[in-house]
């Protein structure tokens, strides 16, 4: 006959063994640091799904997320070896490569533009040309949104500091204050910024020309050295990301995805309705631009468009000798394999 004491002893022993097993498994995980340009949990829903659903752990990876201020700092952290993965914009990455840093895009995450040039709906502005002599607010002085919006003005034949000017005002509430205090006439906004402005009662008009809405946004990047030495780990990292993206895109997983996003930024989830609407927008903007290729694919023409625009605007001093070194699609088939 099994006594109560024996049952308790057996139960404690089992729990102890489970804890030891979990600890041993945790020690087996390879820890990597990911530098991101903003602390949005929703924007990185695929990552947090991959963490929350255990996909990263299944690949033997533990991800520590480090939020910094803009893409330029992401690239600095990568170049300094303080992070294994980063999430910069394509414009800043090309700038970094021009400066001698061999950093490579491996996964096109925001497959359609996450940035927009917006103004107040009652401003009377209907195109970028209407902003001649005006002030445009930006979140960070050297963020990806700056290069994007500068390219819009270049296409309209307008030059910075001659026909318009930028002012760094920050994001969220700071952008709201900028409009309310008439400190800015327009704003270079990301998805969260637009949602925040509208939530705070500022009606917006989107001045982004249609040809610019297809420009892709931030994606995952590593140094060339890390890529060459850690291909197996990169395969696992991307495979987990793709699983996380697919999990989030399934309608039945919307609430679970919101729960996982709290890992990255709990405050953003306090207004569940706002968060739900924002997440749905992110899911659209991260869906594969070329479904037949799968998640993460980078089209050479899209990179060429970014490159040519940056050269025209002066953000790149000269055309690059080999643009294909800035990105790779070598992992796409493996990541998307069923």
Protein backbone atom coordinates (compact mmCIF):
# COMPACT_ATOMS: atom_id res chain seq x y z
CA UNK A 1 0.00 0.00 0.00
CA UNK A 2 1.33 3.42 -0.99
CA UNK A 3 1.31 5.88 1.89
CA UNK A 4 0.58 9.60 1.64
CA UNK A 5 4.21 10.30 2.62
CA UNK A 6 5.43 8.05 -0.22
CA UNK A 7 3.13 9.79 -2.70
CA UNK A 8 4.37 13.22 -1.61
CA UNK A 9 7.97 12.08 -1.77
CA UNK A 10 7.44 10.64 -5.26
CA UNK A 11 5.71 13.85 -6.41
CA UNK A 12 8.46 16.09 -5.10
CA UNK A 13 11.07 13.90 -6.75
CA UNK A 14 9.22 14.08 -10.08
CA UNK A 15 8.94 17.86 -9.91
CA UNK A 16 12.62 18.09 -9.00
CA UNK A 17 13.55 15.94 -12.00
CA UNK A 18 11.41 18.11 -14.29
CA UNK A 19 13.05 21.27 -12.96
CA UNK A 20 16.50 19.77 -13.46
CA UNK A 21 15.57 18.71 -16.98
CA UNK A 22 14.26 22.20 -17.80
CA UNK A 23 17.39 23.81 -16.37
CA UNK A 24 19.60 21.49 -18.38
CA UNK A 25 17.62 22.27 -21.53
CA UNK A 26 17.89 25.99 -20.87
CA UNK A 27 21.65 25.64 -20.51
CA UNK A 28 21.76 23.91 -23.91
CA UNK A 29 20.15 26.88 -25.66
CA UNK A 30 22.40 29.20 -27.64
CA UNK A 31 21.82 32.76 -26.43
CA UNK A 32 21.71 35.49 -29.07
CA UNK A 33 21.02 39.20 -28.79
CA UNK A 34 18.69 40.93 -31.23
CA UNK A 35 18.92 44.73 -31.52
CA UNK A 36 15.68 46.42 -32.61
CA UNK A 37 15.13 50.14 -33.33
CA UNK A 38 11.99 50.52 -31.21
CA UNK A 39 10.31 48.60 -28.36
CA UNK A 40 7.13 47.59 -30.20
CA UNK A 41 5.92 44.14 -29.25
CA UNK A 42 3.23 44.14 -31.93
CA UNK A 43 5.58 45.10 -34.74
CA UNK A 44 7.70 42.06 -33.97
CA UNK A 45 4.77 39.70 -33.52
CA UNK A 46 6.44 36.91 -35.51
CA UNK A 47 9.45 36.99 -33.19
CA UNK A 48 7.39 36.98 -30.01
CA UNK A 49 5.20 34.20 -31.36
CA UNK A 50 8.37 32.25 -32.07
CA UNK A 51 9.47 32.80 -28.49
CA UNK A 52 6.08 32.37 -26.84
CA UNK A 53 5.10 29.26 -28.77
CA UNK A 54 8.51 27.69 -28.11
CA UNK A 55 9.69 27.64 -31.73
CA UNK A 56 13.00 29.35 -30.89
CA UNK A 57 13.62 26.93 -28.03
CA UNK A 58 12.92 24.01 -30.37
CA UNK A 59 15.70 25.36 -32.59
CA UNK A 60 18.00 25.55 -29.58
CA UNK A 61 17.96 29.35 -29.45
CA UNK A 62 17.26 31.84 -26.66
CA UNK A 63 16.72 35.41 -27.87
CA UNK A 64 17.45 38.47 -25.76
CA UNK A 65 15.85 41.56 -27.30
CA UNK A 66 17.67 44.87 -26.91
CA UNK A 67 15.79 48.04 -27.91
CA UNK A 68 17.94 50.95 -29.16
CA UNK A 69 17.19 54.31 -30.74
CA UNK A 70 16.79 53.88 -34.48
CA UNK A 71 18.37 51.84 -37.27
CA UNK A 72 21.73 53.61 -37.10
CA UNK A 73 22.24 52.42 -33.52
CA UNK A 74 21.11 48.92 -34.48
CA UNK A 75 23.89 48.84 -37.07
CA UNK A 76 26.45 50.26 -34.63
CA UNK A 77 25.60 47.54 -32.11
CA UNK A 78 25.92 44.85 -34.81
CA UNK A 79 29.23 46.21 -36.07
CA UNK A 80 30.59 46.36 -32.51
CA UNK A 81 29.69 42.71 -31.91
CA UNK A 82 27.26 43.61 -29.14
CA UNK A 83 24.38 41.79 -30.89
CA UNK A 84 24.23 38.84 -33.24
CA UNK A 85 21.05 39.93 -35.06
CA UNK A 86 19.66 43.36 -35.86
CA UNK A 87 16.52 44.81 -37.41
CA UNK A 88 17.56 47.93 -39.40
CA UNK A 89 16.01 49.68 -42.37
CA UNK A 90 17.45 49.19 -45.87
CA UNK A 91 18.56 52.82 -46.25
CA UNK A 92 20.67 52.91 -43.07
CA UNK A 93 22.09 49.47 -43.91
CA UNK A 94 23.33 50.70 -47.29
CA UNK A 95 24.78 53.77 -45.57
CA UNK A 96 26.62 51.49 -43.14
CA UNK A 97 27.95 49.36 -45.99
CA UNK A 98 29.17 52.49 -47.76
CA UNK A 99 31.00 53.30 -44.53
CA UNK A 100 32.81 49.97 -44.63
CA UNK A 101 30.60 47.76 -42.45
CA UNK A 102 29.90 44.37 -44.06
CA UNK A 103 26.36 43.85 -42.75
CA UNK A 104 23.90 41.71 -44.69
CA UNK A 105 20.09 41.65 -44.85
CA UNK A 106 18.93 38.06 -44.45
CA UNK A 107 15.15 38.40 -44.02
CA UNK A 108 12.80 41.02 -45.50
CA UNK A 109 10.33 41.38 -42.64
CA UNK A 110 8.25 44.45 -43.52
CA UNK A 111 7.68 43.47 -47.13
CA UNK A 112 5.68 46.63 -47.86
CA UNK A 113 6.45 50.11 -46.65
CA UNK A 114 5.92 50.70 -42.95
CA UNK A 115 6.44 54.44 -43.36
CA UNK A 116 4.19 57.20 -44.63
CA UNK A 117 4.35 60.96 -45.12
CA UNK A 118 1.27 62.31 -43.38
CA UNK A 119 -0.31 65.66 -42.55
CA UNK A 120 -3.45 66.79 -40.77
CA UNK A 121 -6.57 66.13 -42.81
CA UNK A 122 -7.68 69.78 -42.66
CA UNK A 123 -4.26 71.13 -43.71
CA UNK A 124 -5.22 71.39 -47.36
CA UNK A 125 -2.10 69.46 -48.41
CA UNK A 126 -2.69 66.85 -51.09
CA UNK A 127 0.83 66.02 -52.28
CA UNK A 128 4.47 66.31 -51.15
CA UNK A 129 4.87 69.37 -53.39
CA UNK A 130 2.43 71.23 -51.12
CA UNK A 131 5.01 71.03 -48.32
CA UNK A 132 7.40 73.48 -49.96
CA UNK A 133 8.79 75.70 -47.21
CA UNK A 134 7.29 73.49 -44.51
CA UNK A 135 8.66 71.53 -41.53
CA UNK A 136 8.47 67.74 -41.42
CA UNK A 137 8.75 65.95 -38.06
CA UNK A 138 10.70 62.70 -37.73
CA UNK A 139 11.04 60.26 -34.86
CA UNK A 140 14.83 59.95 -34.98
CA UNK A 141 17.39 61.99 -36.90
CA UNK A 142 18.86 59.02 -38.76
CA UNK A 143 16.04 56.48 -38.78
CA UNK A 144 14.86 54.58 -41.84
CA UNK A 145 11.81 56.86 -42.12
CA UNK A 146 14.08 59.85 -42.85
CA UNK A 147 15.65 58.26 -45.93
CA UNK A 148 12.22 57.10 -47.07
CA UNK A 149 10.58 60.52 -46.87
CA UNK A 150 13.64 62.31 -48.28
CA UNK A 151 13.31 60.06 -51.31
CA UNK A 152 9.70 61.17 -51.75
CA UNK A 153 10.77 64.81 -51.79
CA UNK A 154 13.64 64.07 -54.18
CA UNK A 155 11.18 62.54 -56.61
CA UNK A 156 9.16 65.77 -56.38
CA UNK A 157 12.27 67.82 -57.17
CA UNK A 158 12.55 69.22 -53.63
CA UNK A 159 15.78 69.52 -51.66
CA UNK A 160 16.25 69.37 -47.89
CA UNK A 161 16.97 72.73 -46.21
CA UNK A 162 16.04 74.52 -49.41
CA UNK A 163 12.45 73.47 -50.05
CA UNK A 164 11.63 71.81 -46.71
CA UNK A 165 13.29 70.92 -43.41
CA UNK A 166 13.30 68.03 -40.94
CA UNK A 167 12.97 68.38 -37.18
CA UNK A 168 13.46 65.50 -34.75
CA UNK A 169 10.52 65.45 -32.36
CA UNK A 170 10.27 61.81 -31.28
CA UNK A 171 7.37 59.40 -31.56
CA UNK A 172 3.92 58.82 -30.11
CA UNK A 173 2.81 61.64 -27.85
CA UNK A 174 5.66 63.89 -29.02
CA UNK A 175 4.34 63.72 -32.58
CA UNK A 176 0.84 64.53 -31.32
CA UNK A 177 2.23 67.57 -29.48
CA UNK A 178 4.13 68.62 -32.60
CA UNK A 179 0.92 68.89 -34.58
CA UNK A 180 -1.10 70.45 -31.78
CA UNK A 181 1.54 73.13 -31.17
CA UNK A 182 1.99 73.79 -34.91
CA UNK A 183 5.67 72.87 -34.59
CA UNK A 184 5.39 70.59 -37.62
CA UNK A 185 3.38 70.66 -40.82
CA UNK A 186 3.79 66.97 -41.66
CA UNK A 187 5.23 63.84 -40.11
CA UNK A 188 7.30 60.89 -41.32
CA UNK A 189 5.32 58.19 -39.59
CA UNK A 190 5.50 54.47 -39.09
CA UNK A 191 2.46 52.25 -38.54
CA UNK A 192 2.37 52.78 -34.78
CA UNK A 193 2.77 56.53 -35.21
CA UNK A 194 -0.22 56.79 -37.51
CA UNK A 195 -2.36 54.68 -35.20
CA UNK A 196 -1.31 56.76 -32.18
CA UNK A 197 -2.02 60.07 -33.91
CA UNK A 198 -5.48 58.91 -34.95
CA UNK A 199 -6.18 57.47 -31.50
CA UNK A 200 -5.37 60.90 -30.02
CA UNK A 201 -7.90 62.55 -32.30
CA UNK A 202 -5.68 63.83 -35.11
CA UNK A 203 -7.22 63.05 -38.49
CA UNK A 204 -4.58 62.40 -41.12
CA UNK A 205 -4.15 62.56 -44.85
CA UNK A 206 -1.52 60.26 -46.37
CA UNK A 207 0.69 62.19 -48.83
CA UNK A 208 2.80 59.16 -49.80
CA UNK A 209 2.81 58.71 -53.60
CA UNK A 210 1.59 55.29 -54.71
CA UNK A 211 4.95 54.34 -56.23
CA UNK A 212 6.57 54.63 -52.80
CA UNK A 213 4.11 52.45 -50.92
CA UNK A 214 5.81 49.34 -52.28
CA UNK A 215 9.21 50.16 -50.74
CA UNK A 216 9.99 47.47 -48.18
CA UNK A 217 10.89 48.33 -44.61
CA UNK A 218 13.03 46.95 -41.80
CA UNK A 219 14.31 43.40 -41.83
CA UNK A 220 16.71 41.07 -40.04
CA UNK A 221 20.43 41.49 -40.62
CA UNK A 222 23.75 40.04 -39.44
CA UNK A 223 27.41 40.74 -40.09
CA UNK A 224 29.06 38.79 -42.91
CA UNK A 225 31.39 37.17 -40.38
CA UNK A 226 28.50 35.94 -38.27
CA UNK A 227 26.67 34.64 -41.35
CA UNK A 228 29.69 32.67 -42.54
CA UNK A 229 30.31 31.12 -39.11
CA UNK A 230 26.72 30.43 -37.96
CA UNK A 231 24.68 29.20 -40.90
CA UNK A 232 22.97 26.43 -38.93
CA UNK A 233 21.90 28.85 -36.21
CA UNK A 234 20.62 31.35 -38.78
CA UNK A 235 18.62 28.57 -40.42
CA UNK A 236 16.99 27.80 -37.08
CA UNK A 237 16.38 31.47 -36.25
CA UNK A 238 14.66 32.14 -39.57
CA UNK A 239 12.68 28.92 -39.49
CA UNK A 240 11.29 29.89 -36.08
CA UNK A 241 10.45 33.39 -37.35
CA UNK A 242 8.54 32.02 -40.33
CA UNK A 243 6.58 29.70 -38.04
CA UNK A 244 5.83 32.67 -35.80
CA UNK A 245 4.65 34.75 -38.76
CA UNK A 246 2.39 31.97 -40.03
CA UNK A 247 0.98 31.44 -36.54
CA UNK A 248 0.09 35.14 -36.30
CA UNK A 249 -1.46 35.21 -39.76
CA UNK A 250 -3.95 32.48 -38.84
CA UNK A 251 -7.19 34.25 -37.77
CA UNK A 252 -7.78 31.90 -34.88
CA UNK A 253 -4.46 32.86 -33.31
CA UNK A 254 -5.02 36.61 -33.10
CA UNK A 255 -5.61 36.73 -29.35
CA UNK A 256 -2.71 34.39 -28.60
CA UNK A 257 -0.48 36.58 -30.74
CA UNK A 258 -1.54 39.62 -28.75
CA UNK A 259 -0.67 37.75 -25.55
CA UNK A 260 2.79 36.87 -26.87
CA UNK A 261 3.37 40.47 -27.96
CA UNK A 262 3.21 41.50 -24.30
CA UNK A 263 6.67 39.96 -23.95
CA UNK A 264 8.02 42.87 -25.96
CA UNK A 265 5.92 45.82 -24.80
CA UNK A 266 3.14 45.23 -22.24
CA UNK A 267 2.07 48.90 -22.28
CA UNK A 268 1.12 48.72 -25.94
CA UNK A 269 -1.36 45.96 -25.12
CA UNK A 270 -3.24 47.89 -22.43
CA UNK A 271 -5.77 49.09 -25.02
CA UNK A 272 -6.69 45.73 -26.48
CA UNK A 273 -8.92 47.09 -29.25
CA UNK A 274 -6.21 49.48 -30.47
CA UNK A 275 -3.62 46.71 -30.26
CA UNK A 276 -5.84 44.31 -32.21
CA UNK A 277 -6.34 46.81 -35.05
CA UNK A 278 -2.63 47.61 -35.11
CA UNK A 279 -1.68 43.94 -35.20
CA UNK A 280 -3.96 43.32 -38.16
CA UNK A 281 -2.13 46.09 -40.04
CA UNK A 282 1.25 44.57 -39.18
CA UNK A 283 0.13 41.17 -40.41
CA UNK A 284 -0.74 42.73 -43.78
CA UNK A 285 2.57 44.61 -44.01
CA UNK A 286 4.63 41.54 -43.20
CA UNK A 287 2.84 39.12 -45.54
CA UNK A 288 5.12 37.87 -48.34
CA UNK A 289 5.28 40.31 -51.24
CA UNK A 290 6.01 37.28 -53.45
CA UNK A 291 3.94 34.42 -51.96
CA UNK A 292 5.52 31.85 -54.25
CA UNK A 293 8.92 32.63 -52.68
CA UNK A 294 7.70 32.70 -49.09
CA UNK A 295 8.47 34.78 -46.02
CA UNK A 296 11.68 36.79 -45.92
CA UNK A 297 12.33 36.87 -49.67
CA UNK A 298 14.11 39.93 -51.05
CA UNK A 299 13.49 40.86 -54.67
CA UNK A 300 16.57 42.27 -56.45
CA UNK A 301 14.43 44.96 -58.13
CA UNK A 302 13.21 46.22 -54.75
CA UNK A 303 16.79 46.60 -53.53
CA UNK A 304 17.74 48.33 -56.77
CA UNK A 305 14.90 50.81 -56.30
CA UNK A 306 16.08 51.63 -52.78
CA UNK A 307 19.68 51.94 -53.98
CA UNK A 308 18.89 54.20 -56.93
CA UNK A 309 16.67 56.41 -54.81
CA UNK A 310 19.36 56.83 -52.16
CA UNK A 311 21.98 57.66 -54.76
CA UNK A 312 19.68 60.26 -56.34
CA UNK A 313 18.98 61.86 -52.98
CA UNK A 314 22.63 61.98 -51.97
CA UNK A 315 22.16 59.58 -49.06
CA UNK A 316 24.67 57.38 -50.86
CA UNK A 317 27.72 59.21 -52.19
CA UNK A 318 28.05 56.93 -55.22
CA UNK A 319 26.51 53.79 -56.71
CA UNK A 320 27.63 50.56 -55.10
CA UNK A 321 29.88 48.24 -57.08
CA UNK A 322 27.92 45.12 -56.11
CA UNK A 323 24.54 45.70 -54.50
CA UNK A 324 23.91 41.95 -54.16
CA UNK A 325 26.42 41.81 -51.29
CA UNK A 326 23.96 43.82 -49.17
CA UNK A 327 21.44 40.96 -48.98
CA UNK A 328 21.03 37.22 -49.38
CA UNK A 329 18.14 34.85 -50.13
CA UNK A 330 20.17 31.71 -49.46
CA UNK A 331 18.05 30.66 -46.46
CA UNK A 332 14.58 31.36 -47.88
CA UNK A 333 13.85 27.86 -49.18
CA UNK A 334 14.96 26.23 -45.93
CA UNK A 335 13.00 28.65 -43.77
CA UNK A 336 9.77 28.16 -45.71
CA UNK A 337 9.98 24.38 -46.19
CA UNK A 338 6.92 22.59 -44.84
